[in-house]
Amino acid sequence: MAHLLLAVLNNHKEAVQFATAAIDESTKDTLQVEPSILADMYVLRMKCYKELGLNEHARQDYQRVLNADPNFIRREMAAK
């Protein structure tokens, strides 16, 4: 839903809300989420924060991306 709000409606504030809810659910102990998927959720929220001018929040999410998936940069480089 967050990706849809961002891509189609360009609604960064609502996308942050949905991304945050998804991240909160995915980081609960009862739910197992692949590190790459969690990293992608943080990336989506990070992009929204940047667009909203919330650079410190964006920086924190970038660190969370690397914590969630230490191979994120290598994976992204390989995809390009």
N, C-alpha and C. Protein backbone atom coordinates (compact mmCIF):
# COMPACT_ATOMS: atom_id res chain seq x y z
N MET A 1 0.83 -1.18 0.00
CA MET A 1 0.00 0.00 0.00
C MET A 1 0.88 1.25 0.00
N ALA A 2 1.95 1.23 0.78
CA ALA A 2 2.85 2.39 0.83
C ALA A 2 3.45 2.66 -0.54
N HIS A 3 3.85 1.58 -1.22
CA HIS A 3 4.44 1.74 -2.54
C HIS A 3 3.42 2.32 -3.52
N LEU A 4 2.19 1.89 -3.43
CA LEU A 4 1.12 2.40 -4.29
C LEU A 4 0.89 3.89 -4.03
N LEU A 5 0.83 4.28 -2.77
CA LEU A 5 0.63 5.69 -2.44
C LEU A 5 1.76 6.55 -2.97
N LEU A 6 2.95 6.02 -2.91
CA LEU A 6 4.10 6.78 -3.38
C LEU A 6 4.14 6.83 -4.90
N ALA A 7 4.00 5.68 -5.53
CA ALA A 7 4.17 5.60 -6.98
C ALA A 7 3.02 6.22 -7.75
N VAL A 8 1.82 5.99 -7.31
CA VAL A 8 0.66 6.44 -8.08
C VAL A 8 0.17 7.80 -7.62
N LEU A 9 0.03 7.98 -6.34
CA LEU A 9 -0.56 9.21 -5.82
C LEU A 9 0.47 10.25 -5.39
N ASN A 10 1.72 9.84 -5.31
CA ASN A 10 2.79 10.73 -4.87
C ASN A 10 2.48 11.34 -3.51
N ASN A 11 1.87 10.53 -2.64
CA ASN A 11 1.47 10.97 -1.31
C ASN A 11 2.48 10.45 -0.29
N HIS A 12 3.49 11.25 -0.02
CA HIS A 12 4.60 10.81 0.83
C HIS A 12 4.19 10.66 2.29
N LYS A 13 3.34 11.55 2.78
CA LYS A 13 2.95 11.47 4.19
C LYS A 13 2.20 10.18 4.50
N GLU A 14 1.23 9.83 3.66
CA GLU A 14 0.49 8.59 3.89
C GLU A 14 1.36 7.38 3.62
N ALA A 15 2.24 7.47 2.67
CA ALA A 15 3.15 6.36 2.39
C ALA A 15 4.03 6.08 3.60
N VAL A 16 4.49 7.14 4.29
CA VAL A 16 5.28 6.96 5.51
C VAL A 16 4.46 6.23 6.56
N GLN A 17 3.19 6.61 6.70
CA GLN A 17 2.34 5.96 7.71
C GLN A 17 2.17 4.47 7.41
N PHE A 18 1.90 4.13 6.17
CA PHE A 18 1.73 2.72 5.81
C PHE A 18 3.04 1.95 5.91
N ALA A 19 4.13 2.57 5.48
CA ALA A 19 5.44 1.90 5.57
C ALA A 19 5.80 1.66 7.03
N THR A 20 5.54 2.64 7.87
CA THR A 20 5.84 2.49 9.30
C THR A 20 5.02 1.36 9.91
N ALA A 21 3.74 1.29 9.57
CA ALA A 21 2.89 0.21 10.08
C ALA A 21 3.41 -1.15 9.60
N ALA A 22 3.81 -1.23 8.34
CA ALA A 22 4.35 -2.49 7.81
C ALA A 22 5.65 -2.87 8.50
N ILE A 23 6.51 -1.89 8.71
CA ILE A 23 7.78 -2.15 9.40
C ILE A 23 7.52 -2.61 10.83
N ASP A 24 6.61 -1.92 11.51
CA ASP A 24 6.29 -2.31 12.89
C ASP A 24 5.79 -3.74 12.96
N GLU A 25 4.91 -4.11 12.05
CA GLU A 25 4.39 -5.48 12.03
C GLU A 25 5.49 -6.49 11.69
N SER A 26 6.34 -6.13 10.76
CA SER A 26 7.35 -7.08 10.30
C SER A 26 8.48 -7.27 11.30
N THR A 27 8.63 -6.36 12.24
CA THR A 27 9.72 -6.49 13.21
C THR A 27 9.25 -7.12 14.52
N LYS A 28 7.99 -7.51 14.58
CA LYS A 28 7.51 -8.23 15.76
C LYS A 28 8.12 -9.62 15.77
N ASP A 29 8.31 -10.14 16.95
CA ASP A 29 8.94 -11.45 17.09
C ASP A 29 8.14 -12.58 16.45
N THR A 30 6.85 -12.40 16.31
CA THR A 30 6.00 -13.48 15.80
C THR A 30 6.02 -13.58 14.28
N LEU A 31 6.58 -12.58 13.61
CA LEU A 31 6.56 -12.56 12.16
C LEU A 31 7.99 -12.61 11.63
N GLN A 32 8.25 -13.54 10.75
CA GLN A 32 9.57 -13.67 10.14
C GLN A 32 9.55 -13.03 8.75
N VAL A 33 10.35 -12.01 8.56
CA VAL A 33 10.42 -11.31 7.27
C VAL A 33 11.85 -11.40 6.77
N GLU A 34 11.99 -11.69 5.48
CA GLU A 34 13.32 -11.75 4.88
C GLU A 34 14.04 -10.42 5.07
N PRO A 35 15.32 -10.44 5.38
CA PRO A 35 16.07 -9.19 5.57
C PRO A 35 15.99 -8.25 4.35
N SER A 36 15.99 -8.81 3.16
CA SER A 36 15.93 -7.96 1.97
C SER A 36 14.59 -7.24 1.86
N ILE A 37 13.52 -7.90 2.26
CA ILE A 37 12.19 -7.26 2.21
C ILE A 37 12.09 -6.16 3.26
N LEU A 38 12.59 -6.42 4.45
CA LEU A 38 12.60 -5.40 5.49
C LEU A 38 13.44 -4.20 5.04
N ALA A 39 14.58 -4.46 4.45
CA ALA A 39 15.44 -3.38 3.94
C ALA A 39 14.69 -2.57 2.88
N ASP A 40 13.96 -3.24 2.01
CA ASP A 40 13.19 -2.53 0.98
C ASP A 40 12.12 -1.64 1.59
N MET A 41 11.50 -2.09 2.68
CA MET A 41 10.50 -1.25 3.36
C MET A 41 11.15 0.01 3.93
N TYR A 42 12.34 -0.16 4.52
CA TYR A 42 13.05 1.00 5.04
C TYR A 42 13.45 1.95 3.91
N VAL A 43 13.85 1.41 2.78
CA VAL A 43 14.23 2.24 1.64
C VAL A 43 13.04 3.07 1.16
N LEU A 44 11.89 2.43 1.07
CA LEU A 44 10.70 3.16 0.64
C LEU A 44 10.41 4.31 1.59
N ARG A 45 10.44 4.03 2.88
CA ARG A 45 10.17 5.08 3.87
C ARG A 45 11.25 6.15 3.84
N MET A 46 12.50 5.73 3.64
CA MET A 46 13.61 6.67 3.56
C MET A 46 13.40 7.66 2.41
N LYS A 47 12.98 7.15 1.26
CA LYS A 47 12.72 8.02 0.11
C LYS A 47 11.62 9.02 0.41
N CYS A 48 10.60 8.57 1.09
CA CYS A 48 9.51 9.48 1.46
C CYS A 48 10.01 10.56 2.42
N TYR A 49 10.79 10.15 3.41
CA TYR A 49 11.34 11.13 4.34
C TYR A 49 12.16 12.18 3.60
N LYS A 50 12.98 11.74 2.65
CA LYS A 50 13.79 12.69 1.88
C LYS A 50 12.91 13.69 1.14
N GLU A 51 11.86 13.19 0.51
CA GLU A 51 10.95 14.06 -0.23
C GLU A 51 10.24 15.06 0.69
N LEU A 52 10.02 14.66 1.93
CA LEU A 52 9.36 15.53 2.89
C LEU A 52 10.35 16.47 3.59
N GLY A 53 11.63 16.34 3.25
CA GLY A 53 12.65 17.18 3.87
C GLY A 53 13.07 16.74 5.26
N LEU A 54 12.72 15.52 5.63
CA LEU A 54 13.06 14.98 6.94
C LEU A 54 14.36 14.18 6.82
N ASN A 55 15.43 14.89 6.61
CA ASN A 55 16.72 14.26 6.29
C ASN A 55 17.28 13.42 7.42
N GLU A 56 17.07 13.83 8.67
CA GLU A 56 17.58 13.04 9.78
C GLU A 56 16.84 11.70 9.87
N HIS A 57 15.54 11.72 9.64
CA HIS A 57 14.78 10.47 9.62
C HIS A 57 15.25 9.59 8.46
N ALA A 58 15.52 10.20 7.32
CA ALA A 58 16.01 9.45 6.16
C ALA A 58 17.35 8.81 6.47
N ARG A 59 18.24 9.57 7.11
CA ARG A 59 19.55 9.03 7.47
C ARG A 59 19.42 7.86 8.44
N GLN A 60 18.52 7.98 9.40
CA GLN A 60 18.30 6.88 10.36
C GLN A 60 17.77 5.64 9.65
N ASP A 61 16.88 5.83 8.69
CA ASP A 61 16.37 4.68 7.96
C ASP A 61 17.44 4.06 7.08
N TYR A 62 18.34 4.85 6.55
CA TYR A 62 19.44 4.28 5.77
C TYR A 62 20.27 3.36 6.66
N GLN A 63 20.52 3.77 7.88
CA GLN A 63 21.27 2.91 8.82
C GLN A 63 20.47 1.65 9.12
N ARG A 64 19.15 1.79 9.23
CA ARG A 64 18.30 0.62 9.48
C ARG A 64 18.33 -0.34 8.29
N VAL A 65 18.42 0.21 7.09
CA VAL A 65 18.54 -0.64 5.89
C VAL A 65 19.77 -1.52 6.03
N LEU A 66 20.89 -0.91 6.36
CA LEU A 66 22.15 -1.66 6.47
C LEU A 66 22.12 -2.64 7.64
N ASN A 67 21.43 -2.29 8.72
CA ASN A 67 21.30 -3.22 9.85
C ASN A 67 20.41 -4.39 9.49
N ALA A 68 19.34 -4.13 8.74
CA ALA A 68 18.40 -5.19 8.37
C ALA A 68 19.01 -6.15 7.37
N ASP A 69 19.77 -5.61 6.42
CA ASP A 69 20.34 -6.43 5.35
C ASP A 69 21.73 -5.93 5.02
N PRO A 70 22.75 -6.47 5.70
CA PRO A 70 24.12 -6.01 5.45
C PRO A 70 24.57 -6.17 3.99
N ASN A 71 23.89 -7.03 3.24
CA ASN A 71 24.23 -7.24 1.84
C ASN A 71 23.43 -6.34 0.89
N PHE A 72 22.71 -5.38 1.43
CA PHE A 72 21.84 -4.55 0.62
C PHE A 72 22.58 -3.84 -0.51
N ILE A 73 23.70 -3.20 -0.19
CA ILE A 73 24.43 -2.45 -1.21
C ILE A 73 24.96 -3.39 -2.28
N ARG A 74 25.50 -4.51 -1.89
CA ARG A 74 25.99 -5.49 -2.87
C ARG A 74 24.84 -5.98 -3.75
N ARG A 75 23.69 -6.23 -3.15
CA ARG A 75 22.52 -6.68 -3.90
C ARG A 75 22.04 -5.62 -4.89
N GLU A 76 22.04 -4.38 -4.46
CA GLU A 76 21.63 -3.29 -5.34
C GLU A 76 22.61 -3.07 -6.48
N MET A 77 23.88 -3.19 -6.19
CA MET A 77 24.90 -3.02 -7.23
C MET A 77 24.78 -4.14 -8.26
N ALA A 78 24.51 -5.35 -7.82
CA ALA A 78 24.38 -6.48 -8.73
C ALA A 78 23.13 -6.33 -9.61
N ALA A 79 22.11 -5.70 -9.08
CA ALA A 79 20.87 -5.51 -9.84
C ALA A 79 21.05 -4.50 -10.95
N LYS A 80 22.00 -3.61 -10.79
CA LYS A 80 22.25 -2.59 -11.81
C LYS A 80 23.27 -3.09 -12.77
